[in-house]
């Protein structure tokens, strides 16, 4: 395992879900944003850093055609897989998104609080290259990060805080901003964390 993978494997091995700041009982905002991005049952969806999130449960319950979950921690994926034993429309990938080689095209890309852990420009650009390959032309990406006035660290790691403009600068001319909104997440112990979520569309001339 890489240093990054080892860190997250330890987090998910040593802490219960309600001890994780990003935990939420229901992924209400993510579902709203995916619906606004045009989610339909026949679409393919990838959730980056999905971990133990309940988003995949909701998508399976809706009858989503295909869902892929990519996360650094095998332990996190095993927890989610146990909840969804027998779900044939879900693919589980334990690995680093910056090195992932997608085997299919996706209509929608969802990332709640994974991208902001990529603080090095080379890692950010590797992420963008993978996203460009994974998304079909016209596909949309919903990316949530800590806002500029959000936390500077999470799980003991520094983060890169963003607004829609800074995300657009990283993604480059191949993606166009569709929508953005701020959100205040309440941790399981009642603390407030300021997020921003932005939706981007992959432009027709973006290489796959």
N, C-alpha and C. Protein backbone atom coordinates (compact mmCIF):
# COMPACT_ATOMS: atom_id res chain seq x y z
N UNK A 1 0.84 -1.20 0.00
CA UNK A 1 0.00 0.00 0.00
C UNK A 1 0.87 1.25 0.00
N UNK A 2 0.37 2.31 -0.65
CA UNK A 2 1.04 3.60 -0.60
C UNK A 2 0.81 4.23 0.77
N UNK A 3 1.56 5.28 1.05
CA UNK A 3 1.39 5.98 2.33
C UNK A 3 -0.04 6.51 2.47
N UNK A 4 -0.59 6.99 1.35
CA UNK A 4 -1.96 7.52 1.37
C UNK A 4 -2.96 6.41 1.68
N UNK A 5 -2.79 5.26 1.04
CA UNK A 5 -3.69 4.14 1.29
C UNK A 5 -3.57 3.63 2.72
N UNK A 6 -2.35 3.55 3.23
CA UNK A 6 -2.14 3.08 4.60
C UNK A 6 -2.85 3.98 5.61
N UNK A 7 -2.76 5.29 5.38
CA UNK A 7 -3.43 6.23 6.29
C UNK A 7 -4.92 5.96 6.37
N UNK A 8 -5.57 5.84 5.21
CA UNK A 8 -7.03 5.69 5.21
C UNK A 8 -7.46 4.30 5.65
N UNK A 9 -6.65 3.31 5.39
CA UNK A 9 -6.96 1.97 5.90
C UNK A 9 -6.95 1.98 7.43
N UNK A 10 -6.00 2.68 8.02
CA UNK A 10 -5.95 2.78 9.48
C UNK A 10 -7.14 3.55 10.03
N UNK A 11 -7.54 4.62 9.33
CA UNK A 11 -8.70 5.40 9.78
C UNK A 11 -9.94 4.53 9.85
N UNK A 12 -10.21 3.82 8.76
CA UNK A 12 -11.44 3.03 8.71
C UNK A 12 -11.36 1.75 9.54
N UNK A 13 -10.17 1.31 9.86
CA UNK A 13 -10.01 0.13 10.70
C UNK A 13 -10.16 0.48 12.17
N UNK A 14 -9.71 1.66 12.56
CA UNK A 14 -9.63 2.02 13.98
C UNK A 14 -10.79 2.86 14.49
N UNK A 15 -11.63 3.37 13.58
CA UNK A 15 -12.73 4.24 14.03
C UNK A 15 -14.07 3.74 13.54
N UNK A 16 -15.07 3.89 14.40
CA UNK A 16 -16.44 3.59 14.00
C UNK A 16 -16.94 4.70 13.07
N UNK A 17 -17.97 4.39 12.31
CA UNK A 17 -18.47 5.38 11.34
C UNK A 17 -18.87 6.68 11.99
N UNK A 18 -19.51 6.62 13.16
CA UNK A 18 -19.97 7.85 13.81
C UNK A 18 -18.84 8.60 14.51
N UNK A 19 -17.61 8.10 14.36
CA UNK A 19 -16.43 8.83 14.85
C UNK A 19 -15.71 9.56 13.72
N UNK A 20 -16.26 9.47 12.50
CA UNK A 20 -15.67 10.10 11.33
C UNK A 20 -16.41 11.41 11.05
N UNK A 21 -15.67 12.49 10.91
CA UNK A 21 -16.31 13.81 10.80
C UNK A 21 -17.21 13.92 9.59
N UNK A 22 -16.90 13.21 8.51
CA UNK A 22 -17.67 13.32 7.27
C UNK A 22 -18.90 12.44 7.24
N UNK A 23 -19.11 11.63 8.27
CA UNK A 23 -20.24 10.69 8.27
C UNK A 23 -21.57 11.44 8.27
N UNK A 24 -22.51 10.92 7.51
CA UNK A 24 -23.88 11.41 7.53
C UNK A 24 -24.80 10.21 7.36
N UNK A 25 -25.90 10.22 8.11
CA UNK A 25 -26.81 9.08 8.08
C UNK A 25 -27.48 8.91 6.73
N UNK A 26 -27.72 10.03 6.06
CA UNK A 26 -28.36 9.98 4.75
C UNK A 26 -27.69 11.01 3.83
N UNK A 27 -27.38 10.65 2.60
CA UNK A 27 -26.67 11.55 1.68
C UNK A 27 -27.63 12.47 0.93
N UNK A 28 -28.42 13.23 1.68
CA UNK A 28 -29.50 14.01 1.07
C UNK A 28 -28.99 14.99 0.02
N UNK A 29 -27.97 15.78 0.36
CA UNK A 29 -27.48 16.79 -0.57
C UNK A 29 -26.89 16.15 -1.82
N UNK A 30 -26.13 15.10 -1.66
CA UNK A 30 -25.53 14.43 -2.82
C UNK A 30 -26.60 13.96 -3.79
N UNK A 31 -27.69 13.41 -3.27
CA UNK A 31 -28.78 12.96 -4.14
C UNK A 31 -29.43 14.14 -4.85
N UNK A 32 -29.62 15.23 -4.14
CA UNK A 32 -30.20 16.42 -4.77
C UNK A 32 -29.31 16.91 -5.90
N UNK A 33 -28.01 16.99 -5.65
CA UNK A 33 -27.08 17.50 -6.65
C UNK A 33 -26.98 16.56 -7.85
N UNK A 34 -26.99 15.26 -7.61
CA UNK A 34 -26.97 14.31 -8.72
C UNK A 34 -28.25 14.40 -9.54
N UNK A 35 -29.37 14.55 -8.85
CA UNK A 35 -30.64 14.72 -9.57
C UNK A 35 -30.61 15.98 -10.42
N UNK A 36 -30.10 17.06 -9.85
CA UNK A 36 -30.02 18.32 -10.60
C UNK A 36 -29.05 18.20 -11.78
N UNK A 37 -28.06 17.30 -11.66
CA UNK A 37 -27.11 17.09 -12.74
C UNK A 37 -27.68 16.20 -13.84
N UNK A 38 -28.90 15.69 -13.62
CA UNK A 38 -29.57 14.92 -14.67
C UNK A 38 -29.60 13.43 -14.45
N UNK A 39 -29.38 12.96 -13.22
CA UNK A 39 -29.36 11.54 -12.93
C UNK A 39 -30.64 10.84 -13.38
N UNK A 40 -30.45 9.75 -14.11
CA UNK A 40 -31.56 8.88 -14.51
C UNK A 40 -31.16 7.43 -14.23
N UNK A 41 -32.14 6.54 -14.05
CA UNK A 41 -31.83 5.16 -13.65
C UNK A 41 -30.89 4.42 -14.60
N UNK A 42 -30.94 4.74 -15.88
CA UNK A 42 -30.11 4.01 -16.85
C UNK A 42 -28.67 4.50 -16.88
N UNK A 43 -28.33 5.52 -16.12
CA UNK A 43 -26.99 6.09 -16.16
C UNK A 43 -25.99 5.33 -15.30
N UNK A 44 -24.71 5.47 -15.67
CA UNK A 44 -23.62 4.93 -14.88
C UNK A 44 -23.06 6.04 -14.00
N UNK A 45 -22.77 5.69 -12.74
CA UNK A 45 -22.31 6.66 -11.75
C UNK A 45 -21.06 6.13 -11.07
N UNK A 46 -20.08 7.00 -10.84
CA UNK A 46 -18.90 6.64 -10.05
C UNK A 46 -18.81 7.58 -8.86
N UNK A 47 -18.59 7.00 -7.68
CA UNK A 47 -18.45 7.77 -6.44
C UNK A 47 -17.00 7.66 -5.98
N UNK A 48 -16.29 8.77 -6.01
CA UNK A 48 -14.87 8.81 -5.65
C UNK A 48 -14.73 9.04 -4.14
N UNK A 49 -13.96 8.17 -3.49
CA UNK A 49 -13.82 8.28 -2.04
C UNK A 49 -15.09 7.92 -1.32
N UNK A 50 -15.86 7.00 -1.92
CA UNK A 50 -17.17 6.65 -1.36
C UNK A 50 -17.10 6.04 0.03
N UNK A 51 -16.01 5.32 0.32
CA UNK A 51 -15.84 4.76 1.65
C UNK A 51 -17.06 4.02 2.15
N UNK A 52 -17.54 4.42 3.33
CA UNK A 52 -18.72 3.78 3.94
C UNK A 52 -19.98 4.60 3.70
N UNK A 53 -19.93 5.55 2.78
CA UNK A 53 -21.07 6.43 2.51
C UNK A 53 -22.32 5.63 2.15
N UNK A 54 -23.48 6.16 2.53
CA UNK A 54 -24.77 5.54 2.20
C UNK A 54 -25.26 5.93 0.80
N UNK A 55 -24.47 6.69 0.06
CA UNK A 55 -24.92 7.09 -1.27
C UNK A 55 -25.16 5.87 -2.16
N UNK A 56 -24.26 4.91 -2.11
CA UNK A 56 -24.42 3.73 -2.95
C UNK A 56 -25.69 2.97 -2.58
N UNK A 57 -26.03 2.92 -1.30
CA UNK A 57 -27.27 2.25 -0.88
C UNK A 57 -28.48 2.90 -1.53
N UNK A 58 -28.49 4.24 -1.52
CA UNK A 58 -29.62 4.96 -2.09
C UNK A 58 -29.71 4.75 -3.61
N UNK A 59 -28.57 4.73 -4.27
CA UNK A 59 -28.56 4.54 -5.72
C UNK A 59 -29.01 3.13 -6.08
N UNK A 60 -28.58 2.15 -5.31
CA UNK A 60 -29.02 0.78 -5.54
C UNK A 60 -30.52 0.66 -5.32
N UNK A 61 -31.01 1.30 -4.25
CA UNK A 61 -32.44 1.25 -3.96
C UNK A 61 -33.26 1.89 -5.07
N UNK A 62 -32.68 2.86 -5.75
CA UNK A 62 -33.37 3.50 -6.87
C UNK A 62 -33.33 2.66 -8.15
N UNK A 63 -32.51 1.61 -8.14
CA UNK A 63 -32.39 0.78 -9.32
C UNK A 63 -31.41 1.33 -10.34
N UNK A 64 -30.37 2.02 -9.84
CA UNK A 64 -29.38 2.59 -10.76
C UNK A 64 -28.71 1.49 -11.57
N UNK A 65 -28.52 1.74 -12.87
CA UNK A 65 -27.99 0.70 -13.77
C UNK A 65 -26.63 0.20 -13.33
N UNK A 66 -25.73 1.12 -12.99
CA UNK A 66 -24.39 0.71 -12.57
C UNK A 66 -23.79 1.80 -11.69
N UNK A 67 -23.16 1.36 -10.59
CA UNK A 67 -22.47 2.27 -9.67
C UNK A 67 -21.09 1.70 -9.39
N UNK A 68 -20.07 2.54 -9.51
CA UNK A 68 -18.71 2.16 -9.14
C UNK A 68 -18.29 2.98 -7.93
N UNK A 69 -17.70 2.32 -6.95
CA UNK A 69 -17.18 3.01 -5.77
C UNK A 69 -15.67 2.86 -5.77
N UNK A 70 -14.96 3.98 -5.74
CA UNK A 70 -13.50 3.98 -5.70
C UNK A 70 -13.05 4.57 -4.36
N UNK A 71 -12.27 3.81 -3.61
CA UNK A 71 -11.80 4.32 -2.33
C UNK A 71 -10.43 3.72 -2.02
N UNK A 72 -9.63 4.48 -1.29
CA UNK A 72 -8.29 4.03 -0.91
C UNK A 72 -8.32 2.88 0.09
N UNK A 73 -9.38 2.77 0.88
CA UNK A 73 -9.41 1.82 1.98
C UNK A 73 -10.23 0.57 1.67
N UNK A 74 -9.59 -0.59 1.58
CA UNK A 74 -10.36 -1.83 1.44
C UNK A 74 -11.31 -2.07 2.61
N UNK A 75 -10.91 -1.65 3.81
CA UNK A 75 -11.76 -1.84 4.99
C UNK A 75 -13.07 -1.09 4.85
N UNK A 76 -12.99 0.14 4.34
CA UNK A 76 -14.21 0.93 4.13
C UNK A 76 -15.12 0.26 3.12
N UNK A 77 -14.55 -0.22 2.03
CA UNK A 77 -15.36 -0.87 1.00
C UNK A 77 -16.00 -2.15 1.52
N UNK A 78 -15.28 -2.90 2.35
CA UNK A 78 -15.85 -4.13 2.90
C UNK A 78 -17.06 -3.84 3.77
N UNK A 79 -17.00 -2.74 4.53
CA UNK A 79 -18.14 -2.35 5.36
C UNK A 79 -19.36 -2.07 4.49
N UNK A 80 -19.16 -1.32 3.42
CA UNK A 80 -20.27 -1.00 2.52
C UNK A 80 -20.76 -2.24 1.79
N UNK A 81 -19.86 -3.09 1.36
CA UNK A 81 -20.23 -4.31 0.63
C UNK A 81 -21.11 -5.21 1.49
N UNK A 82 -20.82 -5.29 2.78
CA UNK A 82 -21.62 -6.13 3.67
C UNK A 82 -23.06 -5.63 3.76
N UNK A 83 -23.23 -4.31 3.71
CA UNK A 83 -24.59 -3.76 3.74
C UNK A 83 -25.35 -4.09 2.47
N UNK A 84 -24.61 -4.26 1.36
CA UNK A 84 -25.23 -4.41 0.06
C UNK A 84 -24.91 -5.77 -0.56
N UNK A 85 -24.80 -6.78 0.27
CA UNK A 85 -24.48 -8.12 -0.22
C UNK A 85 -25.50 -8.54 -1.28
N UNK A 86 -24.97 -8.97 -2.41
CA UNK A 86 -25.85 -9.43 -3.48
C UNK A 86 -26.21 -8.37 -4.50
N UNK A 87 -25.78 -7.12 -4.29
CA UNK A 87 -26.08 -6.06 -5.26
C UNK A 87 -25.20 -6.26 -6.48
N UNK A 88 -25.78 -6.67 -7.58
CA UNK A 88 -25.00 -7.00 -8.76
C UNK A 88 -24.64 -5.83 -9.63
N UNK A 89 -25.20 -4.67 -9.35
CA UNK A 89 -24.94 -3.50 -10.18
C UNK A 89 -23.91 -2.56 -9.58
N UNK A 90 -23.10 -3.05 -8.63
CA UNK A 90 -22.09 -2.23 -7.96
C UNK A 90 -20.71 -2.84 -8.18
N UNK A 91 -19.74 -1.99 -8.55
CA UNK A 91 -18.36 -2.41 -8.69
C UNK A 91 -17.54 -1.70 -7.62
N UNK A 92 -16.73 -2.47 -6.90
CA UNK A 92 -15.95 -1.94 -5.79
C UNK A 92 -14.48 -1.92 -6.18
N UNK A 93 -13.84 -0.76 -6.11
CA UNK A 93 -12.44 -0.63 -6.51
C UNK A 93 -11.65 0.00 -5.36
N UNK A 94 -10.72 -0.79 -4.80
CA UNK A 94 -9.84 -0.28 -3.76
C UNK A 94 -8.56 0.22 -4.43
N UNK A 95 -8.38 1.53 -4.43
CA UNK A 95 -7.22 2.09 -5.08
C UNK A 95 -7.22 3.60 -5.05
N UNK A 96 -6.16 4.17 -5.57
CA UNK A 96 -5.95 5.62 -5.60
C UNK A 96 -6.55 6.19 -6.89
N UNK A 97 -7.46 7.12 -6.76
CA UNK A 97 -8.11 7.67 -7.95
C UNK A 97 -7.12 8.29 -8.92
N UNK A 98 -6.00 8.81 -8.40
CA UNK A 98 -5.02 9.44 -9.29
C UNK A 98 -4.31 8.43 -10.17
N UNK A 99 -4.43 7.14 -9.83
CA UNK A 99 -3.79 6.08 -10.62
C UNK A 99 -4.80 5.14 -11.27
N UNK A 100 -6.07 5.39 -11.05
CA UNK A 100 -7.13 4.51 -11.54
C UNK A 100 -7.20 4.56 -13.06
N UNK A 101 -7.45 3.41 -13.65
CA UNK A 101 -7.65 3.30 -15.10
C UNK A 101 -9.05 2.78 -15.36
N UNK A 102 -10.00 3.68 -15.59
CA UNK A 102 -11.41 3.28 -15.76
C UNK A 102 -11.58 2.31 -16.93
N UNK A 103 -12.43 1.31 -16.71
CA UNK A 103 -12.69 0.32 -17.75
C UNK A 103 -13.98 0.61 -18.52
N UNK A 104 -14.70 1.64 -18.10
CA UNK A 104 -15.94 2.02 -18.76
C UNK A 104 -16.11 3.53 -18.71
N UNK A 105 -17.10 4.03 -19.44
CA UNK A 105 -17.42 5.47 -19.39
C UNK A 105 -18.56 5.70 -18.41
N UNK A 106 -18.55 6.86 -17.79
CA UNK A 106 -19.56 7.20 -16.79
C UNK A 106 -20.32 8.46 -17.20
N UNK A 107 -21.59 8.46 -16.82
CA UNK A 107 -22.42 9.63 -17.06
C UNK A 107 -22.24 10.68 -15.98
N UNK A 108 -22.03 10.21 -14.73
CA UNK A 108 -21.91 11.12 -13.60
C UNK A 108 -20.76 10.70 -12.69
N UNK A 109 -20.03 11.69 -12.23
CA UNK A 109 -18.89 11.54 -11.32
C UNK A 109 -19.24 12.28 -10.04
N UNK A 110 -19.15 11.62 -8.90
CA UNK A 110 -19.48 12.24 -7.62
C UNK A 110 -18.28 12.12 -6.68
N UNK A 111 -17.96 13.22 -6.03
CA UNK A 111 -16.83 13.25 -5.09
C UNK A 111 -17.19 14.17 -3.95
N UNK A 112 -17.49 13.60 -2.81
CA UNK A 112 -17.76 14.40 -1.61
C UNK A 112 -16.57 14.24 -0.66
N UNK A 113 -15.71 15.27 -0.66
CA UNK A 113 -14.62 15.38 0.31
C UNK A 113 -13.45 14.44 0.07
N UNK A 114 -13.18 14.11 -1.19
CA UNK A 114 -11.95 13.37 -1.51
C UNK A 114 -10.93 14.28 -2.18
N UNK A 115 -11.38 15.06 -3.17
CA UNK A 115 -10.46 15.89 -3.93
C UNK A 115 -9.67 16.86 -3.05
N UNK A 116 -10.29 17.38 -2.00
CA UNK A 116 -9.56 18.39 -1.22
C UNK A 116 -8.36 17.83 -0.46
N UNK A 117 -8.21 16.51 -0.40
CA UNK A 117 -7.02 15.94 0.21
C UNK A 117 -5.83 15.93 -0.76
N UNK A 118 -6.08 16.24 -2.01
CA UNK A 118 -4.99 16.33 -2.98
C UNK A 118 -4.45 17.75 -2.97
N UNK A 119 -3.36 17.96 -2.27
CA UNK A 119 -2.81 19.30 -2.10
C UNK A 119 -1.68 19.60 -3.09
N UNK A 120 -1.10 18.57 -3.67
CA UNK A 120 0.00 18.76 -4.64
C UNK A 120 -0.58 18.96 -6.04
N UNK A 121 -0.10 19.96 -6.79
CA UNK A 121 -0.62 20.21 -8.14
C UNK A 121 -0.54 18.99 -9.04
N UNK A 122 0.52 18.19 -8.92
CA UNK A 122 0.64 17.02 -9.79
C UNK A 122 -0.44 15.97 -9.48
N UNK A 123 -0.82 15.84 -8.21
CA UNK A 123 -1.89 14.92 -7.85
C UNK A 123 -3.24 15.44 -8.36
N UNK A 124 -3.44 16.74 -8.24
CA UNK A 124 -4.68 17.33 -8.74
C UNK A 124 -4.82 17.13 -10.24
N UNK A 125 -3.75 17.31 -10.98
CA UNK A 125 -3.81 17.15 -12.43
C UNK A 125 -3.98 15.67 -12.81
N UNK A 126 -3.40 14.77 -12.04
CA UNK A 126 -3.61 13.34 -12.29
C UNK A 126 -5.08 13.00 -12.10
N UNK A 127 -5.70 13.55 -11.08
CA UNK A 127 -7.14 13.37 -10.82
C UNK A 127 -7.95 13.85 -12.01
N UNK A 128 -7.63 15.04 -12.51
CA UNK A 128 -8.38 15.61 -13.63
C UNK A 128 -8.24 14.74 -14.88
N UNK A 129 -7.06 14.22 -15.12
CA UNK A 129 -6.86 13.35 -16.28
C UNK A 129 -7.70 12.09 -16.18
N UNK A 130 -7.77 11.51 -14.99
CA UNK A 130 -8.60 10.31 -14.81
C UNK A 130 -10.07 10.65 -14.99
N UNK A 131 -10.50 11.76 -14.43
CA UNK A 131 -11.90 12.17 -14.56
C UNK A 131 -12.26 12.40 -16.02
N UNK A 132 -11.34 13.01 -16.78
CA UNK A 132 -11.58 13.26 -18.20
C UNK A 132 -11.73 11.96 -18.98
N UNK A 133 -10.93 10.95 -18.61
CA UNK A 133 -11.04 9.65 -19.27
C UNK A 133 -12.32 8.93 -18.88
N UNK A 134 -12.70 9.06 -17.61
CA UNK A 134 -13.84 8.30 -17.10
C UNK A 134 -15.18 8.84 -17.58
N UNK A 135 -15.31 10.15 -17.67
CA UNK A 135 -16.59 10.76 -18.03
C UNK A 135 -16.81 10.73 -19.54
N UNK A 136 -18.01 10.39 -19.92
CA UNK A 136 -18.37 10.50 -21.33
C UNK A 136 -18.49 11.98 -21.68
N UNK A 137 -18.48 12.30 -22.96
CA UNK A 137 -18.67 13.68 -23.39
C UNK A 137 -20.07 14.15 -23.00
N UNK A 138 -20.13 15.29 -22.35
CA UNK A 138 -21.40 15.77 -21.84
C UNK A 138 -21.71 15.27 -20.44
N UNK A 139 -20.88 14.35 -19.92
CA UNK A 139 -21.06 13.88 -18.56
C UNK A 139 -20.78 14.97 -17.55
N UNK A 140 -21.28 14.77 -16.35
CA UNK A 140 -21.14 15.81 -15.32
C UNK A 140 -20.47 15.29 -14.06
N UNK A 141 -19.73 16.18 -13.41
CA UNK A 141 -19.02 15.86 -12.18
C UNK A 141 -19.51 16.76 -11.06
N UNK A 142 -19.90 16.16 -9.95
CA UNK A 142 -20.28 16.89 -8.74
C UNK A 142 -19.14 16.73 -7.75
N UNK A 143 -18.49 17.82 -7.41
CA UNK A 143 -17.31 17.77 -6.54
C UNK A 143 -17.55 18.66 -5.32
N UNK A 144 -17.44 18.06 -4.14
CA UNK A 144 -17.59 18.80 -2.90
C UNK A 144 -16.28 18.85 -2.14
N UNK A 145 -15.87 20.04 -1.74
CA UNK A 145 -14.64 20.24 -0.97
C UNK A 145 -14.92 21.18 0.20
N UNK A 146 -13.98 21.27 1.12
CA UNK A 146 -14.07 22.32 2.12
C UNK A 146 -14.02 23.67 1.42
N UNK A 147 -14.86 24.58 1.87
CA UNK A 147 -14.90 25.93 1.32
C UNK A 147 -13.68 26.72 1.80
N UNK A 148 -13.40 27.89 1.19
CA UNK A 148 -12.25 28.70 1.61
C UNK A 148 -12.26 29.05 3.10
N UNK A 149 -13.43 29.10 3.69
CA UNK A 149 -13.52 29.36 5.13
C UNK A 149 -13.83 28.09 5.92
N UNK A 150 -13.57 26.93 5.30
CA UNK A 150 -13.77 25.65 5.97
C UNK A 150 -12.51 25.22 6.70
N UNK A 151 -12.50 24.00 7.23
CA UNK A 151 -11.33 23.50 7.98
C UNK A 151 -10.08 23.45 7.13
N UNK A 152 -8.94 23.64 7.77
CA UNK A 152 -7.65 23.58 7.08
C UNK A 152 -7.07 22.17 7.11
N UNK A 153 -7.60 21.33 8.01
CA UNK A 153 -7.14 19.95 8.11
C UNK A 153 -8.34 19.04 8.34
N UNK A 154 -8.14 17.76 8.00
CA UNK A 154 -9.15 16.75 8.28
C UNK A 154 -8.45 15.41 8.45
N UNK A 155 -8.85 14.66 9.45
CA UNK A 155 -8.23 13.36 9.71
C UNK A 155 -6.71 13.46 9.83
N UNK A 156 -6.24 14.58 10.38
CA UNK A 156 -4.82 14.77 10.58
C UNK A 156 -4.04 15.18 9.36
N UNK A 157 -4.74 15.41 8.23
CA UNK A 157 -4.07 15.76 6.99
C UNK A 157 -4.44 17.19 6.55
N UNK A 158 -3.51 17.90 5.92
CA UNK A 158 -3.86 19.22 5.36
C UNK A 158 -4.77 19.03 4.15
N UNK A 159 -5.58 20.04 3.89
CA UNK A 159 -6.47 19.99 2.73
C UNK A 159 -6.28 21.25 1.88
N UNK A 160 -6.70 21.16 0.63
CA UNK A 160 -6.72 22.32 -0.26
C UNK A 160 -8.17 22.79 -0.37
N UNK A 161 -8.47 23.94 0.23
CA UNK A 161 -9.85 24.45 0.22
C UNK A 161 -10.14 25.14 -1.12
N UNK A 162 -11.39 25.05 -1.55
CA UNK A 162 -11.73 25.56 -2.87
C UNK A 162 -13.07 26.29 -2.88
N UNK A 163 -13.18 27.19 -3.86
CA UNK A 163 -14.49 27.67 -4.29
C UNK A 163 -14.64 27.26 -5.75
N UNK A 164 -15.74 27.64 -6.37
CA UNK A 164 -16.00 27.22 -7.75
C UNK A 164 -14.90 27.70 -8.70
N UNK A 165 -14.41 28.91 -8.46
CA UNK A 165 -13.39 29.47 -9.34
C UNK A 165 -12.07 28.72 -9.28
N UNK A 166 -11.64 28.35 -8.08
CA UNK A 166 -10.37 27.64 -7.96
C UNK A 166 -10.49 26.22 -8.50
N UNK A 167 -11.66 25.61 -8.35
CA UNK A 167 -11.87 24.28 -8.94
C UNK A 167 -11.84 24.37 -10.46
N UNK A 168 -12.49 25.39 -11.01
CA UNK A 168 -12.49 25.56 -12.45
C UNK A 168 -11.06 25.74 -12.97
N UNK A 169 -10.25 26.47 -12.23
CA UNK A 169 -8.86 26.68 -12.64
C UNK A 169 -8.08 25.36 -12.68
N UNK A 170 -8.35 24.48 -11.73
CA UNK A 170 -7.67 23.19 -11.70
C UNK A 170 -8.18 22.29 -12.83
N UNK A 171 -9.49 22.26 -13.04
CA UNK A 171 -10.07 21.37 -14.05
C UNK A 171 -9.72 21.82 -15.46
N UNK A 172 -9.60 23.11 -15.67
CA UNK A 172 -9.18 23.60 -16.97
C UNK A 172 -10.31 23.77 -17.98
N UNK A 173 -9.92 24.05 -19.21
CA UNK A 173 -10.88 24.42 -20.25
C UNK A 173 -11.74 23.26 -20.74
N UNK A 174 -11.41 22.05 -20.36
CA UNK A 174 -12.19 20.90 -20.80
C UNK A 174 -13.48 20.71 -20.04
N UNK A 175 -13.66 21.49 -18.96
CA UNK A 175 -14.86 21.38 -18.15
C UNK A 175 -15.48 22.75 -17.95
N UNK A 176 -16.80 22.78 -17.92
CA UNK A 176 -17.53 24.03 -17.75
C UNK A 176 -18.38 24.00 -16.49
N UNK A 177 -18.31 25.05 -15.69
CA UNK A 177 -19.08 25.13 -14.45
C UNK A 177 -20.57 25.25 -14.76
N UNK A 178 -21.36 24.39 -14.15
CA UNK A 178 -22.81 24.37 -14.35
C UNK A 178 -23.54 24.98 -13.16
N UNK A 179 -23.10 24.63 -11.96
CA UNK A 179 -23.79 25.11 -10.76
C UNK A 179 -22.86 25.01 -9.57
N UNK A 180 -23.14 25.82 -8.54
CA UNK A 180 -22.34 25.76 -7.32
C UNK A 180 -23.19 26.20 -6.14
N UNK A 181 -22.87 25.66 -4.98
CA UNK A 181 -23.57 26.09 -3.77
C UNK A 181 -22.71 25.80 -2.54
N UNK A 182 -22.94 26.58 -1.50
CA UNK A 182 -22.29 26.35 -0.23
C UNK A 182 -23.16 25.43 0.61
N UNK A 183 -22.49 24.74 1.53
CA UNK A 183 -23.22 23.81 2.40
C UNK A 183 -22.51 23.73 3.74
N UNK A 184 -23.27 23.68 4.81
CA UNK A 184 -22.69 23.53 6.13
C UNK A 184 -23.01 22.13 6.64
N UNK A 185 -21.98 21.32 6.74
CA UNK A 185 -22.13 19.94 7.22
C UNK A 185 -21.96 19.92 8.73
N UNK A 186 -22.84 19.20 9.41
CA UNK A 186 -22.74 19.02 10.85
C UNK A 186 -22.15 17.65 11.14
N UNK A 187 -21.02 17.62 11.82
CA UNK A 187 -20.36 16.36 12.14
C UNK A 187 -21.20 15.57 13.14
N UNK A 188 -20.91 14.28 13.33
CA UNK A 188 -21.67 13.48 14.30
C UNK A 188 -21.62 14.04 15.72
N UNK A 189 -20.61 14.85 16.05
CA UNK A 189 -20.53 15.43 17.40
C UNK A 189 -20.97 16.89 17.44
N UNK A 190 -21.60 17.36 16.34
CA UNK A 190 -22.25 18.67 16.36
C UNK A 190 -21.43 19.84 15.88
N UNK A 191 -20.22 19.63 15.39
CA UNK A 191 -19.42 20.73 14.87
C UNK A 191 -19.84 21.07 13.44
N UNK A 192 -19.66 22.33 13.06
CA UNK A 192 -20.04 22.78 11.72
C UNK A 192 -18.81 22.83 10.82
N UNK A 193 -18.94 22.31 9.61
CA UNK A 193 -17.88 22.37 8.61
C UNK A 193 -18.45 22.97 7.33
N UNK A 194 -17.78 24.02 6.83
CA UNK A 194 -18.28 24.71 5.63
C UNK A 194 -17.71 24.07 4.37
N UNK A 195 -18.60 23.64 3.50
CA UNK A 195 -18.26 23.00 2.23
C UNK A 195 -18.73 23.87 1.08
N UNK A 196 -18.20 23.60 -0.09
CA UNK A 196 -18.77 24.11 -1.33
C UNK A 196 -18.86 22.94 -2.30
N UNK A 197 -19.96 22.88 -3.02
CA UNK A 197 -20.18 21.84 -4.03
C UNK A 197 -20.34 22.52 -5.39
N UNK A 198 -19.64 22.00 -6.37
CA UNK A 198 -19.75 22.54 -7.73
C UNK A 198 -19.98 21.41 -8.72
N UNK A 199 -20.78 21.70 -9.73
CA UNK A 199 -21.07 20.73 -10.79
C UNK A 199 -20.47 21.24 -12.08
N UNK A 200 -19.72 20.36 -12.75
CA UNK A 200 -19.06 20.70 -14.00
C UNK A 200 -19.51 19.74 -15.10
N UNK A 201 -19.53 20.24 -16.32
CA UNK A 201 -19.85 19.41 -17.48
C UNK A 201 -18.61 19.23 -18.34
N UNK A 202 -18.38 17.99 -18.77
CA UNK A 202 -17.26 17.73 -19.67
C UNK A 202 -17.63 18.21 -21.07
N UNK A 203 -16.81 19.07 -21.62
CA UNK A 203 -17.12 19.67 -22.91
C UNK A 203 -16.89 18.68 -24.06
N UNK A 204 -17.59 18.85 -25.17
CA UNK A 204 -17.54 17.88 -26.27
C UNK A 204 -16.15 17.60 -26.81
N UNK A 205 -15.25 18.62 -26.77
CA UNK A 205 -13.94 18.41 -27.38
C UNK A 205 -12.91 17.88 -26.39
N UNK A 206 -13.36 17.52 -25.16
CA UNK A 206 -12.42 17.01 -24.15
C UNK A 206 -12.09 15.56 -24.50
N UNK A 207 -10.81 15.22 -24.56
CA UNK A 207 -10.41 13.85 -24.89
C UNK A 207 -10.83 12.89 -23.80
N UNK A 208 -11.14 11.67 -24.19
CA UNK A 208 -11.59 10.69 -23.25
C UNK A 208 -10.42 10.05 -22.53
